[in-house]
Amino acid sequence: MSDNASPFNVADNLNVPYFTDDEVLELLAQHETETGQIFDEKVKQKISQITANQPGLVNGFAKIK
């Protein structure tokens, strides 16, 4: 059997579960502590709702100024 795939081209799936609402609030609180940017509670709830607690999206929203 012949295979032309490179031995250095290794892929592995990494399962990253979505955050819970509490984890989103914790992440945003950490962001507030580190940056001094304070989010209103309604904004935190909206970020959770809009992103459906997807880790990458939550982080992206936190970085927007």
C-alpha atoms as a PDB file:
ATOM      1  CA  MET A   1       0.000   0.000   0.000  1.00  0.00           C
ATOM      2  CA  SER A   2       1.416   3.375  -0.976  1.00  0.00           C
ATOM      3  CA  ASP A   3       0.707   6.572   0.948  1.00  0.00           C
ATOM      4  CA  ASN A   4       2.020   9.978  -0.086  1.00  0.00           C
ATOM      5  CA  ALA A   5       0.992  11.738   3.119  1.00  0.00           C
ATOM      6  CA  SER A   6       3.736  13.520   5.011  1.00  0.00           C
ATOM      7  CA  PRO A   7       4.511  12.116   8.470  1.00  0.00           C
ATOM      8  CA  PHE A   8       4.648  15.733   9.667  1.00  0.00           C
ATOM      9  CA  ASN A   9       1.116  16.498   8.547  1.00  0.00           C
ATOM     10  CA  VAL A  10      -0.602  15.156  11.643  1.00  0.00           C
ATOM     11  CA  ALA A  11      -4.065  16.331  12.564  1.00  0.00           C
ATOM     12  CA  ASP A  12      -5.932  15.625  15.735  1.00  0.00           C
ATOM     13  CA  ASN A  13      -9.401  16.734  16.691  1.00  0.00           C
ATOM     14  CA  LEU A  14      -9.666  18.727  19.877  1.00  0.00           C
ATOM     15  CA  ASN A  15     -13.079  18.912  21.474  1.00  0.00           C
ATOM     16  CA  VAL A  16     -13.587  22.329  23.082  1.00  0.00           C
ATOM     17  CA  PRO A  17     -16.938  22.388  24.850  1.00  0.00           C
ATOM     18  CA  TYR A  18     -19.005  25.553  24.962  1.00  0.00           C
ATOM     19  CA  PHE A  19     -18.832  27.636  28.117  1.00  0.00           C
ATOM     20  CA  THR A  20     -21.606  27.654  30.662  1.00  0.00           C
ATOM     21  CA  ASP A  21     -23.228  30.994  31.516  1.00  0.00           C
ATOM     22  CA  ASP A  22     -21.201  31.077  34.743  1.00  0.00           C
ATOM     23  CA  GLU A  23     -17.963  30.444  32.854  1.00  0.00           C
ATOM     24  CA  VAL A  24     -18.754  33.318  30.476  1.00  0.00           C
ATOM     25  CA  LEU A  25     -19.280  35.629  33.442  1.00  0.00           C
ATOM     26  CA  GLU A  26     -16.019  34.420  35.001  1.00  0.00           C
ATOM     27  CA  LEU A  27     -14.094  35.019  31.770  1.00  0.00           C
ATOM     28  CA  LEU A  28     -15.540  38.513  31.377  1.00  0.00           C
ATOM     29  CA  ALA A  29     -14.678  39.278  35.015  1.00  0.00           C
ATOM     30  CA  GLN A  30     -11.094  38.211  34.354  1.00  0.00           C
ATOM     31  CA  HIS A  31     -11.040  40.468  31.299  1.00  0.00           C
ATOM     32  CA  GLU A  32     -12.350  43.367  33.401  1.00  0.00           C
ATOM     33  CA  THR A  33      -9.615  42.802  35.994  1.00  0.00           C
ATOM     34  CA  GLU A  34      -6.843  42.639  33.406  1.00  0.00           C
ATOM     35  CA  THR A  35      -7.943  45.527  31.176  1.00  0.00           C
ATOM     36  CA  GLY A  36     -10.045  47.790  33.387  1.00  0.00           C
ATOM     37  CA  GLN A  37     -12.821  47.630  30.773  1.00  0.00           C
ATOM     38  CA  ILE A  38     -16.056  47.118  32.733  1.00  0.00           C
ATOM     39  CA  PHE A  39     -19.081  45.454  31.142  1.00  0.00           C
ATOM     40  CA  ASP A  40     -22.635  46.260  32.202  1.00  0.00           C
ATOM     41  CA  GLU A  41     -24.564  43.177  33.369  1.00  0.00           C
ATOM     42  CA  LYS A  42     -26.936  43.483  30.391  1.00  0.00           C
ATOM     43  CA  VAL A  43     -23.938  43.481  28.041  1.00  0.00           C
ATOM     44  CA  LYS A  44     -22.592  40.324  29.674  1.00  0.00           C
ATOM     45  CA  GLN A  45     -25.942  38.611  29.219  1.00  0.00           C
ATOM     46  CA  LYS A  46     -26.123  39.750  25.590  1.00  0.00           C
ATOM     47  CA  ILE A  47     -22.600  38.466  24.861  1.00  0.00           C
ATOM     48  CA  SER A  48     -23.609  35.095  26.276  1.00  0.00           C
ATOM     49  CA  GLN A  49     -26.795  35.094  24.186  1.00  0.00           C
ATOM     50  CA  ILE A  50     -25.226  36.239  20.906  1.00  0.00           C
ATOM     51  CA  THR A  51     -22.229  33.891  21.090  1.00  0.00           C
ATOM     52  CA  ALA A  52     -24.181  30.886  22.407  1.00  0.00           C
ATOM     53  CA  ASN A  53     -21.201  30.619  24.809  1.00  0.00           C
ATOM     54  CA  GLN A  54     -18.742  29.577  22.089  1.00  0.00           C
ATOM     55  CA  PRO A  55     -15.274  30.141  23.614  1.00  0.00           C
ATOM     56  CA  GLY A  56     -13.698  31.849  20.602  1.00  0.00           C
ATOM     57  CA  LEU A  57     -16.625  34.188  20.091  1.00  0.00           C
ATOM     58  CA  VAL A  58     -16.838  35.124  23.775  1.00  0.00           C
ATOM     59  CA  ASN A  59     -13.142  36.009  23.751  1.00  0.00           C
ATOM     60  CA  GLY A  60     -13.598  37.976  20.539  1.00  0.00           C
ATOM     61  CA  PHE A  61     -16.411  40.058  21.995  1.00  0.00           C
ATOM     62  CA  ALA A  62     -14.365  40.712  25.147  1.00  0.00           C
ATOM     63  CA  LYS A  63     -11.506  42.107  23.067  1.00  0.00           C
ATOM     64  CA  ILE A  64     -13.687  44.577  21.138  1.00  0.00           C
ATOM     65  CA  LYS A  65     -13.349  48.082  22.540  1.00  0.00           C
END
